[in-house]
């Protein structure tokens, strides 16, 4: 059989700036193996008798698609080699699948093809593992985990109600059976006005590996959680994407009651299920109040009596944007006493601060009452000890 090798091709573009690695690695038979970087080219050998496994660790960023590509580089005619992407929680490849979680896989075989490639979009940032395994013979190979030209997904990840507030237009996301099974979005619907929700698989297709079974549900306004069973949510409509059947589905719904409804995307494919999707929101869908987060820090947490302490809070949306021109309430609690408001904070930048001079040990937090644009929020508690 003629053995061939070609450039690493991702989508329609040849990946540039690939970094060549040393041809051999020591102590790479099990997790964590050898650390490599995205776009680094690895040349190595696995042998079924003497060295059947090579393991590498690579740091991947949520929402950034990569291509795992393996090419046979030898002159022989018998080889059967697989490259498997494993989750960050995997602990070993030696003791069976109870110790590792498979996310995606590709392979080369002397009877089929001498190069194979799989595309994967991480749902979470972390240190992933690539396991190269030879079961039958000797296999010299070239391996690369390459960043593709696809734009990164920057939609915030929320796994339960209330979710990310969205209005009309488009939103992209990724769900993964192992890493992140749920995405939830909040939408505002008007009684008697039809709303349209179309979900489309937008992953990179290739010869045989694109596994997903993605459930798409519209939940009622009284729903409180998707994590604890159907008694916590009310499903009003449901559709499913499937790698073998449907790559696009739509829900049309006319609510009887105005309010905030929820879109729940759930990956249920089992082993290897990974779905990159786009939701189109049409009709009378509008954006409900956004979720915000309040941080709180103190310049010191243990001071002498009468020492000034500056408290600083930042108000951000789930998208990471600072929220200025709000009025926040600062509250204080002495030991075994109730919380009481002690003042307000304002800012034109989204970074709010005030200076206190504590005379007694106390705890503090900041809260926002919410409005038509933002939901109520509360910061973590900071305790300042007075010596």
Protein backbone atom coordinates (compact mmCIF):
# COMPACT_ATOMS: atom_id res chain seq x y z
CA UNK A 1 0.00 0.00 0.00
CA UNK A 2 1.25 3.47 -0.82
CA UNK A 3 1.78 5.49 2.34
CA UNK A 4 1.23 9.22 2.03
CA UNK A 5 1.51 12.30 4.23
CA UNK A 6 -0.01 15.71 3.69
CA UNK A 7 -0.06 19.13 5.34
CA UNK A 8 -2.20 19.55 8.43
CA UNK A 9 -5.39 21.01 7.04
CA UNK A 10 -8.02 22.57 9.29
CA UNK A 11 -11.30 23.55 7.65
CA UNK A 12 -10.13 25.23 4.46
CA UNK A 13 -6.90 26.72 5.79
CA UNK A 14 -3.49 25.18 6.31
CA UNK A 15 -2.40 25.74 9.90
CA UNK A 16 0.61 28.08 10.08
CA UNK A 17 3.33 28.51 12.70
CA UNK A 18 3.49 24.88 13.76
CA UNK A 19 6.25 24.24 16.27
CA UNK A 20 8.43 21.15 15.82
CA UNK A 21 9.07 19.09 18.94
CA UNK A 22 11.90 16.73 19.80
CA UNK A 23 11.44 13.31 18.17
CA UNK A 24 11.44 11.23 21.35
CA UNK A 25 9.99 11.56 24.85
CA UNK A 26 10.72 9.78 28.10
CA UNK A 27 8.16 8.74 30.74
CA UNK A 28 5.21 9.40 28.45
CA UNK A 29 3.35 6.10 28.88
CA UNK A 30 0.62 7.36 31.17
CA UNK A 31 -1.12 10.51 32.35
CA UNK A 32 0.14 13.23 32.61
CA UNK A 33 2.85 12.22 30.11
CA UNK A 34 4.68 14.95 28.19
CA UNK A 35 3.42 18.53 28.11
CA UNK A 36 2.96 20.00 24.63
CA UNK A 37 1.36 23.20 23.37
CA UNK A 38 -1.32 23.89 20.78
CA UNK A 39 0.18 23.87 17.22
CA UNK A 40 3.27 21.95 18.40
CA UNK A 41 4.21 19.07 16.05
CA UNK A 42 5.24 15.81 17.74
CA UNK A 43 7.20 13.08 15.93
CA UNK A 44 7.40 9.80 17.84
CA UNK A 45 6.90 6.03 17.64
CA UNK A 46 4.60 3.55 19.39
CA UNK A 47 5.20 -0.19 19.29
CA UNK A 48 2.71 -2.83 20.37
CA UNK A 49 5.45 -4.94 22.00
CA UNK A 50 7.82 -2.42 23.57
CA UNK A 51 6.03 0.94 23.90
CA UNK A 52 2.30 0.73 23.08
CA UNK A 53 1.28 4.09 24.57
CA UNK A 54 2.36 7.72 24.35
CA UNK A 55 0.53 10.29 26.43
CA UNK A 56 0.64 14.09 26.10
CA UNK A 57 -0.95 16.93 28.05
CA UNK A 58 -2.13 20.07 26.24
CA UNK A 59 -3.87 23.15 27.62
CA UNK A 60 -7.08 23.97 25.74
CA UNK A 61 -9.25 27.06 26.05
CA UNK A 62 -13.05 26.90 26.24
CA UNK A 63 -14.75 27.81 22.97
CA UNK A 64 -11.61 27.55 20.80
CA UNK A 65 -11.89 24.74 18.25
CA UNK A 66 -8.87 22.48 17.74
CA UNK A 67 -8.08 19.72 15.25
CA UNK A 68 -6.39 16.57 16.53
CA UNK A 69 -4.39 15.23 13.57
CA UNK A 70 -2.24 12.09 13.33
CA UNK A 71 -0.16 11.00 10.30
CA UNK A 72 1.78 7.78 9.70
CA UNK A 73 5.42 8.63 8.91
CA UNK A 74 6.98 5.17 8.51
CA UNK A 75 7.78 2.97 5.52
CA UNK A 76 6.08 -0.22 6.66
CA UNK A 77 2.71 -1.59 5.60
CA UNK A 78 1.24 -2.82 8.92
CA UNK A 79 0.04 -0.42 11.59
CA UNK A 80 -3.13 0.34 13.55
CA UNK A 81 -2.74 3.45 15.68
CA UNK A 82 -5.32 5.59 17.50
CA UNK A 83 -5.12 9.12 18.93
CA UNK A 84 -7.69 9.81 21.65
CA UNK A 85 -8.47 13.07 23.42
CA UNK A 86 -9.18 12.55 27.13
CA UNK A 87 -10.76 14.84 29.69
CA UNK A 88 -8.75 16.78 32.30
CA UNK A 89 -10.20 14.55 35.04
CA UNK A 90 -8.70 11.39 33.52
CA UNK A 91 -6.13 9.76 35.80
CA UNK A 92 -4.71 6.78 33.88
CA UNK A 93 -4.85 4.97 30.52
CA UNK A 94 -3.44 1.73 31.94
CA UNK A 95 -6.30 0.44 34.07
CA UNK A 96 -9.37 0.62 31.84
CA UNK A 97 -11.99 3.20 30.93
CA UNK A 98 -13.00 3.72 34.55
CA UNK A 99 -9.85 5.84 34.91
CA UNK A 100 -10.25 8.04 31.84
CA UNK A 101 -13.02 9.88 29.99
CA UNK A 102 -12.86 9.82 26.19
CA UNK A 103 -13.89 13.02 24.39
CA UNK A 104 -12.91 12.39 20.76
CA UNK A 105 -10.84 9.93 18.76
CA UNK A 106 -9.20 9.43 15.37
CA UNK A 107 -7.00 6.67 14.01
CA UNK A 108 -4.78 5.44 11.19
CA UNK A 109 -4.71 1.95 9.73
CA UNK A 110 -2.65 0.33 6.99
CA UNK A 111 -5.84 -1.01 5.37
CA UNK A 112 -7.73 2.30 5.44
CA UNK A 113 -5.82 5.60 5.64
CA UNK A 114 -2.47 6.92 6.82
CA UNK A 115 -3.83 10.20 8.20
CA UNK A 116 -6.87 11.02 10.28
CA UNK A 117 -8.25 14.12 11.95
CA UNK A 118 -10.96 15.00 14.47
CA UNK A 119 -12.31 18.44 15.41
CA UNK A 120 -13.23 19.32 18.98
CA UNK A 121 -14.49 22.45 20.78
CA UNK A 122 -13.69 22.41 24.52
CA UNK A 123 -16.62 23.42 26.70
CA UNK A 124 -14.25 24.22 29.57
CA UNK A 125 -10.67 25.45 29.84
CA UNK A 126 -8.21 22.93 31.24
CA UNK A 127 -5.30 20.52 30.75
CA UNK A 128 -6.51 17.80 28.37
CA UNK A 129 -4.66 14.59 27.48
CA UNK A 130 -3.89 12.96 24.12
CA UNK A 131 -3.32 9.19 24.18
CA UNK A 132 -1.59 7.58 21.18
CA UNK A 133 -1.99 3.79 21.24
CA UNK A 134 -0.69 0.98 18.98
CA UNK A 135 -2.36 -2.46 19.28
CA UNK A 136 -0.78 -4.55 16.53
CA UNK A 137 2.61 -3.46 15.21
CA UNK A 138 5.06 -0.55 15.03
CA UNK A 139 3.85 2.93 14.13
CA UNK A 140 6.01 6.03 13.62
CA UNK A 141 3.69 9.04 13.61
CA UNK A 142 3.35 12.80 13.52
CA UNK A 143 0.84 14.35 15.90
CA UNK A 144 -0.46 17.90 16.26
CA UNK A 145 -3.27 19.56 18.21
CA UNK A 146 -3.86 22.63 16.03
CA UNK A 147 -6.05 25.69 16.57
CA UNK A 148 -8.51 26.06 13.70
CA UNK A 149 -9.51 29.33 11.99
CA UNK A 150 -13.02 29.16 13.53
CA UNK A 151 -13.80 32.19 15.70
CA UNK A 152 -13.87 31.43 19.42
CA UNK A 153 -17.19 31.11 21.23
CA UNK A 154 -17.35 33.82 23.89
CA UNK A 155 -20.87 33.26 25.22
CA UNK A 156 -20.78 32.95 29.04
CA UNK A 157 -21.49 29.48 30.39
CA UNK A 158 -24.35 28.95 32.83
CA UNK A 159 -25.59 25.50 33.70
CA UNK A 160 -28.87 26.28 35.41
CA UNK A 161 -31.70 28.79 35.70
CA UNK A 162 -31.56 31.88 35.57
CA UNK A 163 -29.03 31.51 32.76
CA UNK A 164 -27.65 34.05 30.30
CA UNK A 165 -30.16 36.75 29.34
CA UNK A 166 -30.52 37.01 25.55
CA UNK A 167 -32.87 38.78 23.13
CA UNK A 168 -33.51 38.59 19.41
CA UNK A 169 -30.62 37.57 17.15
CA UNK A 170 -28.10 34.75 17.38
CA UNK A 171 -26.15 33.07 20.18
CA UNK A 172 -23.50 30.32 19.87
CA UNK A 173 -22.52 27.73 22.43
CA UNK A 174 -21.12 24.26 23.02
CA UNK A 175 -22.32 21.41 25.21
CA UNK A 176 -20.33 18.28 25.95
CA UNK A 177 -21.49 15.06 27.61
CA UNK A 178 -18.38 14.85 29.79
CA UNK A 179 -17.29 18.45 30.35
CA UNK A 180 -20.45 20.60 30.33
CA UNK A 181 -23.81 18.97 29.63
CA UNK A 182 -26.10 21.99 30.16
CA UNK A 183 -26.47 25.53 28.80
CA UNK A 184 -29.37 27.74 29.92
CA UNK A 185 -30.61 31.04 28.49
CA UNK A 186 -33.31 33.44 29.72
CA UNK A 187 -35.68 35.14 27.25
CA UNK A 188 -38.60 37.52 27.72
CA UNK A 189 -41.84 36.58 25.93
CA UNK A 190 -45.09 38.50 25.53
CA UNK A 191 -48.52 36.91 25.95
CA UNK A 192 -50.22 36.21 22.62
CA UNK A 193 -47.10 37.01 20.56
CA UNK A 194 -45.39 34.16 18.70
CA UNK A 195 -41.69 33.47 19.35
CA UNK A 196 -39.36 31.42 17.14
CA UNK A 197 -36.33 29.47 18.33
CA UNK A 198 -34.17 27.68 15.76
CA UNK A 199 -31.16 25.59 16.85
CA UNK A 200 -28.55 24.48 14.30
CA UNK A 201 -25.48 22.28 14.61
CA UNK A 202 -22.53 24.33 13.31
CA UNK A 203 -19.66 21.95 14.03
CA UNK A 204 -16.92 21.07 11.55
CA UNK A 205 -18.00 17.98 9.63
CA UNK A 206 -15.62 15.30 8.46
CA UNK A 207 -15.63 11.70 7.36
CA UNK A 208 -17.35 9.83 10.18
CA UNK A 209 -16.93 11.25 13.66
CA UNK A 210 -19.50 13.83 14.76
CA UNK A 211 -21.47 12.41 17.68
CA UNK A 212 -24.17 14.39 19.43
CA UNK A 213 -27.73 13.99 20.68
CA UNK A 214 -28.68 17.44 21.87
CA UNK A 215 -32.03 18.10 23.55
CA UNK A 216 -33.46 21.62 23.13
CA UNK A 217 -36.29 22.60 25.50
CA UNK A 218 -38.36 25.70 26.19
CA UNK A 219 -39.19 25.91 29.90
CA UNK A 220 -41.97 27.84 31.62
CA UNK A 221 -41.48 30.96 33.78
CA UNK A 222 -42.06 29.11 37.06
CA UNK A 223 -39.14 26.73 36.43
CA UNK A 224 -36.44 26.91 39.09
CA UNK A 225 -33.75 24.36 38.10
CA UNK A 226 -32.78 21.88 35.39
CA UNK A 227 -30.41 19.93 37.63
CA UNK A 228 -32.75 18.19 40.03
CA UNK A 229 -35.43 16.53 37.93
CA UNK A 230 -38.62 17.45 36.09
CA UNK A 231 -40.46 18.53 39.25
CA UNK A 232 -38.28 21.68 39.25
CA UNK A 233 -39.09 22.75 35.71
CA UNK A 234 -41.98 22.74 33.25
CA UNK A 235 -41.17 21.80 29.67
CA UNK A 236 -43.39 23.61 27.16
CA UNK A 237 -41.80 22.37 23.94
CA UNK A 238 -38.87 20.13 22.99
CA UNK A 239 -36.78 19.24 19.94
CA UNK A 240 -33.54 17.30 19.41
CA UNK A 241 -30.45 17.52 17.21
CA UNK A 242 -28.82 14.22 16.22
CA UNK A 243 -25.65 13.52 14.26
CA UNK A 244 -27.40 10.90 12.15
CA UNK A 245 -30.78 12.60 11.59
CA UNK A 246 -31.37 16.30 12.39
CA UNK A 247 -28.83 19.12 12.22
CA UNK A 248 -31.46 21.87 12.53
CA UNK A 249 -34.72 22.08 14.48
CA UNK A 250 -37.18 24.85 15.39
CA UNK A 251 -39.65 25.61 18.17
CA UNK A 252 -42.52 28.07 17.56
CA UNK A 253 -44.39 29.06 20.69
CA UNK A 254 -47.12 31.56 21.60
CA UNK A 255 -47.19 32.13 25.38
CA UNK A 256 -50.42 32.69 27.28
CA UNK A 257 -48.59 34.62 30.00
CA UNK A 258 -45.90 37.29 29.65
CA UNK A 259 -42.67 36.68 31.55
CA UNK A 260 -39.16 35.25 31.56
CA UNK A 261 -38.89 31.82 29.93
CA UNK A 262 -35.83 29.57 29.63
CA UNK A 263 -34.05 27.75 26.82
CA UNK A 264 -32.27 24.60 28.00
CA UNK A 265 -29.68 22.86 25.79
CA UNK A 266 -28.66 19.44 27.12
CA UNK A 267 -26.14 17.00 25.61
CA UNK A 268 -27.31 13.41 26.01
CA UNK A 269 -25.24 11.47 23.45
CA UNK A 270 -23.14 9.57 25.98
CA UNK A 271 -19.52 8.77 25.18
CA UNK A 272 -17.96 11.43 22.97
CA UNK A 273 -21.05 13.65 22.71
CA UNK A 274 -19.95 17.18 21.76
CA UNK A 275 -22.24 19.70 20.04
CA UNK A 276 -21.36 23.16 18.74
CA UNK A 277 -24.65 24.97 18.14
CA UNK A 278 -26.21 28.27 17.10
CA UNK A 279 -29.60 29.49 18.30
CA UNK A 280 -31.60 32.01 16.29
CA UNK A 281 -34.17 33.92 18.35
CA UNK A 282 -36.97 35.53 16.32
CA UNK A 283 -40.49 36.84 16.59
CA UNK A 284 -41.21 38.89 19.72
CA UNK A 285 -38.30 37.58 21.82
CA UNK A 286 -36.77 40.36 23.93
CA UNK A 287 -34.02 40.44 26.53
CA UNK A 288 -34.95 40.10 30.22
CA UNK A 289 -32.87 41.67 33.03
CA UNK A 290 -29.27 40.42 33.01
CA UNK A 291 -27.56 38.54 35.80
CA UNK A 292 -24.74 40.53 37.41
CA UNK A 293 -22.01 39.54 39.84
CA UNK A 294 -20.58 41.65 42.64
CA UNK A 295 -17.09 41.12 44.00
CA UNK A 296 -15.88 42.60 47.31
CA UNK A 297 -12.32 43.08 48.55
CA UNK A 298 -10.77 44.87 51.53
CA UNK A 299 -7.33 46.47 51.72
CA UNK A 300 -6.88 44.67 55.06
CA UNK A 301 -8.84 42.01 56.93
CA UNK A 302 -7.15 42.44 60.31
CA UNK A 303 -6.42 45.95 61.62
CA UNK A 304 -5.90 47.94 64.77
CA UNK A 305 -8.81 49.99 66.07
CA UNK A 306 -9.21 53.23 64.11
CA UNK A 307 -7.25 52.06 61.06
CA UNK A 308 -8.94 53.00 57.74
CA UNK A 309 -9.93 50.11 55.45
CA UNK A 310 -11.02 50.56 51.84
CA UNK A 311 -13.75 48.24 50.55
CA UNK A 312 -13.95 47.83 46.76
CA UNK A 313 -16.59 46.08 44.68
CA UNK A 314 -16.88 45.54 40.94
CA UNK A 315 -20.24 44.98 39.29
CA UNK A 316 -20.00 42.86 36.13
CA UNK A 317 -22.38 41.15 33.75
CA UNK A 318 -21.85 37.48 32.87
CA UNK A 319 -20.14 38.76 29.72
CA UNK A 320 -17.51 40.42 31.94
CA UNK A 321 -18.60 44.01 31.28
CA UNK A 322 -18.42 46.51 34.15
CA UNK A 323 -21.75 48.11 35.09
CA UNK A 324 -21.46 51.82 36.04
CA UNK A 325 -23.95 54.37 37.39
CA UNK A 326 -25.74 52.04 39.77
CA UNK A 327 -26.45 52.65 43.46
CA UNK A 328 -25.22 49.81 45.67
CA UNK A 329 -26.01 49.32 49.34
CA UNK A 330 -23.25 48.55 51.87
CA UNK A 331 -24.41 46.47 54.83
CA UNK A 332 -22.67 45.48 58.05
CA UNK A 333 -23.15 42.81 60.68
CA UNK A 334 -21.56 42.74 64.14
CA UNK A 335 -21.20 39.27 65.73
CA UNK A 336 -24.61 37.90 66.77
CA UNK A 337 -26.37 41.00 65.44
CA UNK A 338 -28.59 41.50 62.36
CA UNK A 339 -27.41 42.99 59.08
CA UNK A 340 -27.91 46.75 58.76
CA UNK A 341 -27.43 49.19 55.91
CA UNK A 342 -24.63 51.70 56.61
CA UNK A 343 -24.44 53.60 53.33
CA UNK A 344 -24.53 53.56 49.54
CA UNK A 345 -21.87 53.38 46.81
CA UNK A 346 -21.95 55.00 43.36
CA UNK A 347 -19.51 54.95 40.47
CA UNK A 348 -19.24 56.11 36.86
CA UNK A 349 -16.83 53.27 35.98
CA UNK A 350 -18.34 50.13 37.50
CA UNK A 351 -15.71 49.94 40.26
CA UNK A 352 -17.27 51.07 43.52
CA UNK A 353 -15.29 51.80 46.69
CA UNK A 354 -15.63 53.36 50.11
CA UNK A 355 -13.38 53.76 53.15
CA UNK A 356 -14.48 52.67 56.61
CA UNK A 357 -12.81 53.07 60.01
CA UNK A 358 -13.94 50.03 61.98
CA UNK A 359 -14.07 50.13 65.75
CA UNK A 360 -15.24 46.54 66.17
CA UNK A 361 -14.91 43.28 64.30
CA UNK A 362 -17.66 43.06 61.70
CA UNK A 363 -18.71 41.47 58.43
CA UNK A 364 -19.65 43.42 55.30
CA UNK A 365 -21.33 42.81 51.99
CA UNK A 366 -22.67 44.87 49.10
CA UNK A 367 -26.00 44.36 47.36
CA UNK A 368 -27.81 45.66 44.32
CA UNK A 369 -31.60 45.99 44.37
CA UNK A 370 -31.91 45.38 40.62
CA UNK A 371 -33.89 47.20 37.95
CA UNK A 372 -35.34 46.68 34.47
CA UNK A 373 -31.85 45.96 33.07
CA UNK A 374 -30.17 43.95 35.86
CA UNK A 375 -31.28 41.36 38.37
CA UNK A 376 -30.69 41.86 42.11
CA UNK A 377 -27.27 40.65 43.27
CA UNK A 378 -25.22 40.30 46.42
CA UNK A 379 -21.45 40.16 46.91
CA UNK A 380 -19.55 37.63 49.00
CA UNK A 381 -19.08 38.52 52.66
CA UNK A 382 -15.82 40.12 53.83
CA UNK A 383 -14.92 40.00 57.53
CA UNK A 384 -12.67 42.68 59.02
CA UNK A 385 -11.16 41.79 62.41
CA UNK A 386 -10.30 44.64 64.78
CA UNK A 387 -7.42 43.79 67.12
